[in-house]
């Protein structure tokens, strides 16, 4: 893992490494962040894939250089922005990946919405205006100050 240090590293592939995520959850007495370092790195990379795909094209400002490996840091109003909130968001999404398990994904392809489904005696009908997509509100709230105005996100997760 090569952590972005705020200078726009060409080979950076993460905003947070295992040590950072471990410390984040230790400070919060969160004991469910478990696994080998290899497993934790995989969770972090999946979290990074999600954050880069969902938010990466909508950050305010422009990249610092054309060769940086990630979409942050950014140049905005003559200042470099690389918020700690971004690293914290990686931690939260890595935990989501851990809780999802191996066969589920943070983002899914969305097809026609189910209005009513009946299997044996179990019947499910969704509200007409509900979304199939999971919203990671805490992550969005952390990152929203660094997004172009009017950006809203919903991306699916299977459960």
N, C-alpha and C. Protein backbone atom coordinates (compact mmCIF):
# COMPACT_ATOMS: atom_id res chain seq x y z
N UNK A 1 0.85 -1.18 0.00
CA UNK A 1 0.00 0.00 0.00
C UNK A 1 0.89 1.24 0.00
N UNK A 2 0.56 2.17 -0.86
CA UNK A 2 1.27 3.45 -0.86
C UNK A 2 0.25 4.55 -0.54
N UNK A 3 0.40 5.13 0.62
CA UNK A 3 -0.56 6.12 1.11
C UNK A 3 -0.29 7.48 0.48
N UNK A 4 -1.36 8.10 0.02
CA UNK A 4 -1.29 9.49 -0.46
C UNK A 4 -0.89 10.36 0.73
N UNK A 5 0.09 11.23 0.52
CA UNK A 5 0.56 12.08 1.61
C UNK A 5 0.13 13.54 1.46
N UNK A 6 -0.73 13.80 0.49
CA UNK A 6 -1.19 15.17 0.27
C UNK A 6 -0.43 15.91 -0.80
N UNK A 7 0.53 15.23 -1.45
CA UNK A 7 1.32 15.88 -2.49
C UNK A 7 0.98 15.41 -3.90
N UNK A 8 0.03 14.48 -4.03
CA UNK A 8 -0.34 13.97 -5.35
C UNK A 8 0.61 12.92 -5.87
N UNK A 9 0.94 11.96 -5.05
CA UNK A 9 1.88 10.90 -5.43
C UNK A 9 1.36 10.10 -6.62
N UNK A 10 2.24 9.85 -7.56
CA UNK A 10 1.85 9.14 -8.78
C UNK A 10 1.43 7.70 -8.50
N UNK A 11 2.05 7.04 -7.55
CA UNK A 11 1.76 5.63 -7.30
C UNK A 11 0.88 5.40 -6.08
N UNK A 12 0.35 6.45 -5.51
CA UNK A 12 -0.53 6.30 -4.34
C UNK A 12 -1.74 5.47 -4.71
N UNK A 13 -2.10 4.54 -3.82
CA UNK A 13 -3.27 3.71 -4.08
C UNK A 13 -4.23 3.65 -2.89
N UNK A 14 -3.98 4.46 -1.88
CA UNK A 14 -4.89 4.50 -0.74
C UNK A 14 -4.73 5.82 0.02
N UNK A 15 -5.80 6.18 0.71
CA UNK A 15 -5.76 7.35 1.59
C UNK A 15 -5.45 6.95 3.03
N UNK A 16 -5.59 5.67 3.34
CA UNK A 16 -5.35 5.17 4.69
C UNK A 16 -4.83 3.74 4.61
N UNK A 17 -3.87 3.41 5.46
CA UNK A 17 -3.36 2.05 5.49
C UNK A 17 -3.90 1.31 6.71
N UNK A 18 -3.47 0.08 6.89
CA UNK A 18 -3.97 -0.74 7.99
C UNK A 18 -3.67 -0.07 9.33
N UNK A 19 -2.49 0.48 9.51
CA UNK A 19 -2.13 1.11 10.78
C UNK A 19 -3.08 2.27 11.09
N UNK A 20 -3.40 3.08 10.08
CA UNK A 20 -4.30 4.21 10.30
C UNK A 20 -5.70 3.72 10.68
N UNK A 21 -6.20 2.74 9.94
CA UNK A 21 -7.55 2.22 10.20
C UNK A 21 -7.60 1.53 11.56
N UNK A 22 -6.56 0.76 11.88
CA UNK A 22 -6.49 0.13 13.21
C UNK A 22 -6.57 1.19 14.30
N UNK A 23 -5.80 2.25 14.17
CA UNK A 23 -5.78 3.33 15.18
C UNK A 23 -7.13 4.02 15.26
N UNK A 24 -7.76 4.24 14.11
CA UNK A 24 -9.08 4.89 14.08
C UNK A 24 -10.08 4.10 14.92
N UNK A 25 -10.13 2.80 14.71
CA UNK A 25 -11.10 1.99 15.44
C UNK A 25 -10.69 1.74 16.89
N UNK A 26 -9.41 1.69 17.17
CA UNK A 26 -8.94 1.56 18.55
C UNK A 26 -9.38 2.77 19.38
N UNK A 27 -9.24 3.96 18.81
CA UNK A 27 -9.66 5.19 19.51
C UNK A 27 -11.15 5.19 19.81
N UNK A 28 -11.90 4.48 19.02
CA UNK A 28 -13.36 4.44 19.18
C UNK A 28 -13.83 3.17 19.89
N UNK A 29 -12.87 2.39 20.39
CA UNK A 29 -13.16 1.14 21.09
C UNK A 29 -14.04 0.21 20.26
N UNK A 30 -13.79 0.20 18.96
CA UNK A 30 -14.54 -0.65 18.03
C UNK A 30 -13.79 -1.97 17.87
N UNK A 31 -14.34 -3.01 18.43
CA UNK A 31 -13.63 -4.29 18.46
C UNK A 31 -13.98 -5.22 17.30
N UNK A 32 -14.91 -4.84 16.46
CA UNK A 32 -15.27 -5.72 15.34
C UNK A 32 -14.35 -5.56 14.13
N UNK A 33 -13.41 -4.61 14.19
CA UNK A 33 -12.43 -4.46 13.10
C UNK A 33 -11.35 -5.52 13.32
N UNK A 34 -11.55 -6.67 12.67
CA UNK A 34 -10.66 -7.81 12.88
C UNK A 34 -10.22 -8.39 11.56
N UNK A 35 -9.23 -9.26 11.63
CA UNK A 35 -8.73 -9.95 10.45
C UNK A 35 -7.22 -9.81 10.37
N UNK A 36 -6.64 -10.56 9.46
CA UNK A 36 -5.19 -10.46 9.22
C UNK A 36 -4.91 -9.14 8.50
N UNK A 37 -3.66 -8.74 8.46
CA UNK A 37 -3.30 -7.53 7.72
C UNK A 37 -3.67 -7.66 6.25
N UNK A 38 -3.50 -8.84 5.69
CA UNK A 38 -3.85 -9.06 4.28
C UNK A 38 -5.35 -8.86 4.07
N UNK A 39 -6.16 -9.39 4.96
CA UNK A 39 -7.61 -9.21 4.86
C UNK A 39 -7.97 -7.74 5.02
N UNK A 40 -7.38 -7.07 5.99
CA UNK A 40 -7.67 -5.65 6.23
C UNK A 40 -7.28 -4.80 5.03
N UNK A 41 -6.14 -5.12 4.41
CA UNK A 41 -5.74 -4.39 3.21
C UNK A 41 -6.79 -4.55 2.11
N UNK A 42 -7.31 -5.77 1.95
CA UNK A 42 -8.34 -6.01 0.94
C UNK A 42 -9.59 -5.18 1.24
N UNK A 43 -9.98 -5.10 2.51
CA UNK A 43 -11.14 -4.28 2.89
C UNK A 43 -10.89 -2.82 2.54
N UNK A 44 -9.69 -2.36 2.83
CA UNK A 44 -9.34 -0.96 2.56
C UNK A 44 -9.37 -0.69 1.06
N UNK A 45 -8.80 -1.59 0.27
CA UNK A 45 -8.81 -1.39 -1.18
C UNK A 45 -10.24 -1.37 -1.74
N UNK A 46 -11.10 -2.22 -1.23
CA UNK A 46 -12.50 -2.20 -1.68
C UNK A 46 -13.18 -0.90 -1.26
N UNK A 47 -12.86 -0.43 -0.08
CA UNK A 47 -13.39 0.87 0.37
C UNK A 47 -12.88 1.98 -0.53
N UNK A 48 -11.62 1.92 -0.89
CA UNK A 48 -11.03 2.92 -1.80
C UNK A 48 -11.71 2.88 -3.16
N UNK A 49 -11.94 1.69 -3.68
CA UNK A 49 -12.63 1.56 -4.97
C UNK A 49 -13.97 2.26 -4.92
N UNK A 50 -14.70 2.06 -3.82
CA UNK A 50 -16.01 2.68 -3.67
C UNK A 50 -15.88 4.20 -3.62
N UNK A 51 -15.02 4.71 -2.77
CA UNK A 51 -14.89 6.16 -2.61
C UNK A 51 -14.42 6.82 -3.90
N UNK A 52 -13.46 6.23 -4.56
CA UNK A 52 -12.98 6.80 -5.82
C UNK A 52 -14.08 6.77 -6.89
N UNK A 53 -14.84 5.67 -6.97
CA UNK A 53 -15.89 5.55 -7.98
C UNK A 53 -17.07 6.47 -7.69
N UNK A 54 -17.46 6.57 -6.44
CA UNK A 54 -18.67 7.32 -6.10
C UNK A 54 -18.41 8.82 -5.99
N UNK A 55 -17.31 9.19 -5.39
CA UNK A 55 -17.05 10.60 -5.10
C UNK A 55 -15.95 11.22 -5.96
N UNK A 56 -15.06 10.41 -6.48
CA UNK A 56 -13.83 10.90 -7.10
C UNK A 56 -13.98 11.89 -8.23
N UNK A 57 -15.04 11.79 -9.01
CA UNK A 57 -15.21 12.71 -10.13
C UNK A 57 -15.98 13.98 -9.74
N UNK A 58 -16.33 14.08 -8.48
CA UNK A 58 -17.15 15.22 -8.06
C UNK A 58 -16.53 16.06 -6.96
N UNK A 59 -15.23 15.87 -6.71
CA UNK A 59 -14.56 16.72 -5.74
C UNK A 59 -14.49 18.14 -6.27
N UNK A 60 -14.46 19.10 -5.38
CA UNK A 60 -14.24 20.48 -5.79
C UNK A 60 -12.80 20.61 -6.29
N UNK A 61 -12.56 21.60 -7.10
CA UNK A 61 -11.21 21.90 -7.55
C UNK A 61 -10.69 20.95 -8.60
N UNK A 62 -9.38 20.98 -8.76
CA UNK A 62 -8.69 20.17 -9.75
C UNK A 62 -7.57 19.37 -9.09
N UNK A 63 -7.15 18.31 -9.74
CA UNK A 63 -6.03 17.54 -9.19
C UNK A 63 -4.78 18.41 -9.16
N UNK A 64 -3.87 18.08 -8.27
CA UNK A 64 -2.63 18.85 -8.17
C UNK A 64 -1.76 18.69 -9.39
N UNK A 65 -1.77 17.48 -9.95
CA UNK A 65 -0.96 17.23 -11.15
C UNK A 65 -1.61 16.13 -11.98
N UNK A 66 -1.15 15.98 -13.18
CA UNK A 66 -1.74 15.01 -14.11
C UNK A 66 -1.31 13.57 -13.83
N UNK A 67 -0.34 13.38 -12.97
CA UNK A 67 0.18 12.04 -12.74
C UNK A 67 -0.22 11.44 -11.40
N UNK A 68 -0.99 12.17 -10.59
CA UNK A 68 -1.31 11.62 -9.28
C UNK A 68 -2.18 10.37 -9.41
N UNK A 69 -1.97 9.44 -8.50
CA UNK A 69 -2.62 8.14 -8.57
C UNK A 69 -4.08 8.15 -8.16
N UNK A 70 -4.48 9.09 -7.31
CA UNK A 70 -5.84 9.16 -6.80
C UNK A 70 -6.47 10.51 -7.13
N UNK A 71 -7.75 10.62 -6.89
CA UNK A 71 -8.46 11.86 -7.24
C UNK A 71 -8.26 12.98 -6.22
N UNK A 72 -7.76 12.69 -5.06
CA UNK A 72 -7.37 13.69 -4.05
C UNK A 72 -5.88 13.57 -3.88
N UNK A 73 -5.17 14.60 -3.52
CA UNK A 73 -5.59 15.93 -3.11
C UNK A 73 -6.02 16.79 -4.30
N UNK A 74 -6.64 17.93 -3.95
CA UNK A 74 -7.17 18.85 -4.94
C UNK A 74 -6.64 20.26 -4.69
N UNK A 75 -6.59 21.02 -5.74
CA UNK A 75 -6.29 22.44 -5.64
C UNK A 75 -7.62 23.17 -5.76
N UNK A 76 -7.96 23.95 -4.72
CA UNK A 76 -9.26 24.62 -4.69
C UNK A 76 -9.08 25.97 -4.00
N UNK A 77 -9.51 27.03 -4.67
CA UNK A 77 -9.35 28.39 -4.15
C UNK A 77 -7.91 28.66 -3.72
N UNK A 78 -6.98 28.27 -4.57
CA UNK A 78 -5.54 28.47 -4.35
C UNK A 78 -4.99 27.74 -3.13
N UNK A 79 -5.72 26.74 -2.65
CA UNK A 79 -5.25 25.95 -1.52
C UNK A 79 -5.31 24.47 -1.88
N UNK A 80 -4.38 23.73 -1.30
CA UNK A 80 -4.41 22.28 -1.45
C UNK A 80 -5.32 21.71 -0.38
N UNK A 81 -6.28 20.89 -0.82
CA UNK A 81 -7.15 20.24 0.16
C UNK A 81 -6.92 18.72 0.11
N UNK A 82 -6.73 18.18 1.28
CA UNK A 82 -6.58 16.74 1.49
C UNK A 82 -7.08 16.49 2.91
N UNK A 83 -8.41 16.37 3.06
CA UNK A 83 -9.01 16.36 4.40
C UNK A 83 -8.85 15.04 5.15
N UNK A 84 -8.67 15.15 6.44
CA UNK A 84 -8.67 13.99 7.32
C UNK A 84 -10.00 13.25 7.21
N UNK A 85 -11.06 13.97 6.93
CA UNK A 85 -12.38 13.36 6.76
C UNK A 85 -12.35 12.28 5.68
N UNK A 86 -11.54 12.46 4.66
CA UNK A 86 -11.43 11.47 3.60
C UNK A 86 -10.82 10.17 4.14
N UNK A 87 -9.79 10.28 4.94
CA UNK A 87 -9.17 9.10 5.54
C UNK A 87 -10.16 8.42 6.49
N UNK A 88 -10.91 9.21 7.24
CA UNK A 88 -11.91 8.64 8.15
C UNK A 88 -13.01 7.92 7.37
N UNK A 89 -13.39 8.47 6.22
CA UNK A 89 -14.40 7.84 5.38
C UNK A 89 -13.91 6.48 4.88
N UNK A 90 -12.62 6.38 4.56
CA UNK A 90 -12.06 5.08 4.15
C UNK A 90 -12.21 4.08 5.29
N UNK A 91 -11.95 4.52 6.51
CA UNK A 91 -12.11 3.63 7.67
C UNK A 91 -13.54 3.11 7.76
N UNK A 92 -14.50 4.01 7.66
CA UNK A 92 -15.90 3.61 7.77
C UNK A 92 -16.31 2.65 6.66
N UNK A 93 -15.86 2.92 5.45
CA UNK A 93 -16.22 2.04 4.34
C UNK A 93 -15.50 0.70 4.44
N UNK A 94 -14.28 0.69 4.95
CA UNK A 94 -13.57 -0.58 5.15
C UNK A 94 -14.34 -1.46 6.13
N UNK A 95 -14.89 -0.86 7.17
CA UNK A 95 -15.70 -1.62 8.13
C UNK A 95 -16.95 -2.16 7.45
N UNK A 96 -17.56 -1.37 6.57
CA UNK A 96 -18.73 -1.85 5.82
C UNK A 96 -18.36 -3.08 5.00
N UNK A 97 -17.21 -3.05 4.36
CA UNK A 97 -16.76 -4.19 3.56
C UNK A 97 -16.60 -5.42 4.45
N UNK A 98 -15.97 -5.24 5.61
CA UNK A 98 -15.79 -6.34 6.55
C UNK A 98 -17.14 -6.95 6.92
N UNK A 99 -18.12 -6.10 7.21
CA UNK A 99 -19.43 -6.59 7.64
C UNK A 99 -20.24 -7.21 6.50
N UNK A 100 -19.97 -6.80 5.28
CA UNK A 100 -20.70 -7.37 4.15
C UNK A 100 -20.35 -8.81 3.89
N UNK A 101 -19.11 -9.18 4.08
CA UNK A 101 -18.70 -10.54 3.78
C UNK A 101 -18.17 -10.66 2.36
N UNK A 102 -17.70 -11.85 2.05
CA UNK A 102 -17.00 -12.07 0.78
C UNK A 102 -17.88 -12.03 -0.46
N UNK A 103 -19.14 -12.38 -0.34
CA UNK A 103 -19.98 -12.51 -1.53
C UNK A 103 -20.82 -11.28 -1.83
N UNK A 104 -20.68 -10.25 -1.03
CA UNK A 104 -21.49 -9.05 -1.26
C UNK A 104 -20.59 -7.88 -1.63
N UNK A 105 -21.17 -6.90 -2.31
CA UNK A 105 -20.40 -5.76 -2.79
C UNK A 105 -21.01 -4.46 -2.30
N UNK A 106 -20.18 -3.43 -2.24
CA UNK A 106 -20.67 -2.11 -1.86
C UNK A 106 -21.53 -1.51 -2.97
N UNK A 107 -21.19 -1.79 -4.21
CA UNK A 107 -21.95 -1.27 -5.35
C UNK A 107 -22.48 -2.42 -6.16
N UNK A 108 -23.73 -2.30 -6.56
CA UNK A 108 -24.36 -3.34 -7.36
C UNK A 108 -24.93 -2.73 -8.63
N UNK A 109 -25.18 -3.57 -9.58
CA UNK A 109 -25.92 -3.14 -10.75
C UNK A 109 -27.39 -3.10 -10.37
N UNK A 110 -28.07 -2.05 -10.77
CA UNK A 110 -29.47 -1.90 -10.41
C UNK A 110 -30.32 -2.20 -11.64
N UNK A 111 -31.29 -3.05 -11.44
CA UNK A 111 -32.21 -3.38 -12.51
C UNK A 111 -33.61 -2.94 -12.10
N UNK A 112 -34.59 -3.48 -12.74
CA UNK A 112 -35.97 -3.11 -12.45
C UNK A 112 -36.28 -3.34 -10.98
N UNK A 113 -36.94 -2.37 -10.36
CA UNK A 113 -37.28 -2.45 -8.94
C UNK A 113 -38.44 -3.41 -8.72
N UNK A 114 -38.34 -4.16 -7.65
CA UNK A 114 -39.39 -5.11 -7.28
C UNK A 114 -40.52 -4.35 -6.61
N UNK A 115 -41.74 -4.51 -7.09
CA UNK A 115 -42.89 -3.91 -6.42
C UNK A 115 -43.49 -4.90 -5.44
N UNK A 116 -43.58 -6.17 -5.86
CA UNK A 116 -44.14 -7.20 -4.99
C UNK A 116 -43.48 -8.51 -5.34
N UNK A 117 -43.11 -9.25 -4.30
CA UNK A 117 -42.51 -10.56 -4.49
C UNK A 117 -43.06 -11.50 -3.43
N UNK A 118 -43.47 -12.68 -3.87
CA UNK A 118 -44.01 -13.65 -2.93
C UNK A 118 -43.29 -14.98 -3.13
N UNK A 119 -42.74 -15.48 -2.03
CA UNK A 119 -42.08 -16.77 -2.02
C UNK A 119 -42.70 -17.56 -0.87
N UNK A 120 -43.43 -18.59 -1.22
CA UNK A 120 -44.18 -19.38 -0.22
C UNK A 120 -45.11 -18.43 0.52
N UNK A 121 -45.00 -18.37 1.84
CA UNK A 121 -45.90 -17.51 2.61
C UNK A 121 -45.29 -16.14 2.90
N UNK A 122 -44.09 -15.88 2.40
CA UNK A 122 -43.43 -14.58 2.64
C UNK A 122 -43.71 -13.67 1.46
N UNK A 123 -44.21 -12.49 1.76
CA UNK A 123 -44.51 -11.52 0.72
C UNK A 123 -43.87 -10.18 1.08
N UNK A 124 -43.20 -9.57 0.11
CA UNK A 124 -42.55 -8.28 0.30
C UNK A 124 -43.04 -7.33 -0.78
N UNK A 125 -43.41 -6.14 -0.38
CA UNK A 125 -43.76 -5.08 -1.32
C UNK A 125 -43.08 -3.81 -0.83
N UNK A 126 -42.35 -3.15 -1.72
CA UNK A 126 -41.60 -1.95 -1.35
C UNK A 126 -42.41 -0.70 -1.65
N UNK A 127 -42.16 0.31 -0.87
CA UNK A 127 -42.80 1.59 -1.09
C UNK A 127 -42.49 2.07 -2.49
N UNK A 128 -43.46 2.71 -3.09
CA UNK A 128 -43.31 3.18 -4.47
C UNK A 128 -42.10 4.09 -4.65
N UNK A 129 -41.78 4.89 -3.65
CA UNK A 129 -40.71 5.88 -3.79
C UNK A 129 -39.42 5.49 -3.07
N UNK A 130 -39.35 4.28 -2.57
CA UNK A 130 -38.13 3.86 -1.89
C UNK A 130 -37.06 3.48 -2.92
N UNK A 131 -35.84 3.56 -2.50
CA UNK A 131 -34.72 3.23 -3.38
C UNK A 131 -34.15 1.88 -3.01
N UNK A 132 -33.66 1.16 -4.02
CA UNK A 132 -32.96 -0.09 -3.77
C UNK A 132 -31.53 0.17 -3.31
N UNK A 133 -31.11 1.39 -3.37
CA UNK A 133 -29.72 1.72 -3.13
C UNK A 133 -29.47 2.11 -1.68
N UNK A 134 -28.40 1.60 -1.13
CA UNK A 134 -28.02 1.92 0.24
C UNK A 134 -27.29 3.24 0.25
N UNK A 135 -27.63 4.07 1.22
CA UNK A 135 -26.94 5.34 1.39
C UNK A 135 -26.05 5.24 2.62
N UNK A 136 -24.80 5.57 2.46
CA UNK A 136 -23.86 5.60 3.57
C UNK A 136 -23.80 7.04 4.07
N UNK A 137 -24.77 7.40 4.88
CA UNK A 137 -24.98 8.77 5.29
C UNK A 137 -23.78 9.36 6.00
N UNK A 138 -23.19 8.62 6.92
CA UNK A 138 -22.05 9.15 7.67
C UNK A 138 -20.88 9.46 6.74
N UNK A 139 -20.62 8.60 5.79
CA UNK A 139 -19.54 8.83 4.83
C UNK A 139 -19.87 10.05 3.97
N UNK A 140 -21.09 10.12 3.49
CA UNK A 140 -21.48 11.28 2.68
C UNK A 140 -21.33 12.58 3.47
N UNK A 141 -21.75 12.58 4.73
CA UNK A 141 -21.65 13.79 5.55
C UNK A 141 -20.20 14.20 5.76
N UNK A 142 -19.31 13.23 5.91
CA UNK A 142 -17.89 13.55 6.04
C UNK A 142 -17.34 14.19 4.77
N UNK A 143 -17.76 13.68 3.63
CA UNK A 143 -17.17 14.09 2.36
C UNK A 143 -17.90 15.24 1.66
N UNK A 144 -19.14 15.50 2.03
CA UNK A 144 -19.93 16.50 1.31
C UNK A 144 -19.32 17.90 1.26
N UNK A 145 -18.57 18.36 2.26
CA UNK A 145 -17.96 19.68 2.13
C UNK A 145 -16.94 19.78 1.00
N UNK A 146 -16.47 18.65 0.51
CA UNK A 146 -15.44 18.63 -0.52
C UNK A 146 -15.98 18.24 -1.89
N UNK A 147 -17.30 18.22 -2.00
CA UNK A 147 -17.96 17.87 -3.26
C UNK A 147 -18.52 19.11 -3.93
N UNK A 148 -18.58 19.07 -5.24
CA UNK A 148 -19.23 20.14 -6.00
C UNK A 148 -20.64 20.30 -5.46
N UNK A 149 -21.14 21.51 -5.38
CA UNK A 149 -22.48 21.71 -4.85
C UNK A 149 -23.50 21.00 -5.73
N UNK A 150 -24.51 20.46 -5.07
CA UNK A 150 -25.56 19.73 -5.78
C UNK A 150 -25.27 18.26 -5.97
N UNK A 151 -24.09 17.80 -5.54
CA UNK A 151 -23.78 16.38 -5.67
C UNK A 151 -24.47 15.59 -4.58
N UNK A 152 -25.23 14.58 -4.99
CA UNK A 152 -25.82 13.65 -4.03
C UNK A 152 -25.55 12.25 -4.52
N UNK A 153 -25.43 11.32 -3.59
CA UNK A 153 -25.03 9.98 -3.97
C UNK A 153 -25.87 8.93 -3.30
N UNK A 154 -26.18 7.91 -4.06
CA UNK A 154 -26.78 6.69 -3.56
C UNK A 154 -26.15 5.59 -4.39
N UNK A 155 -25.57 4.63 -3.74
CA UNK A 155 -25.04 3.49 -4.46
C UNK A 155 -25.41 2.23 -3.74
N UNK A 156 -25.68 1.23 -4.50
CA UNK A 156 -26.29 0.03 -3.96
C UNK A 156 -25.36 -0.93 -3.28
N UNK A 157 -25.95 -1.67 -2.37
CA UNK A 157 -25.28 -2.78 -1.72
C UNK A 157 -26.32 -3.89 -1.55
N UNK A 158 -25.91 -5.09 -1.81
CA UNK A 158 -26.83 -6.20 -1.59
C UNK A 158 -26.70 -6.65 -0.16
N UNK A 159 -27.76 -7.09 0.41
CA UNK A 159 -27.74 -7.57 1.81
C UNK A 159 -28.32 -8.96 1.86
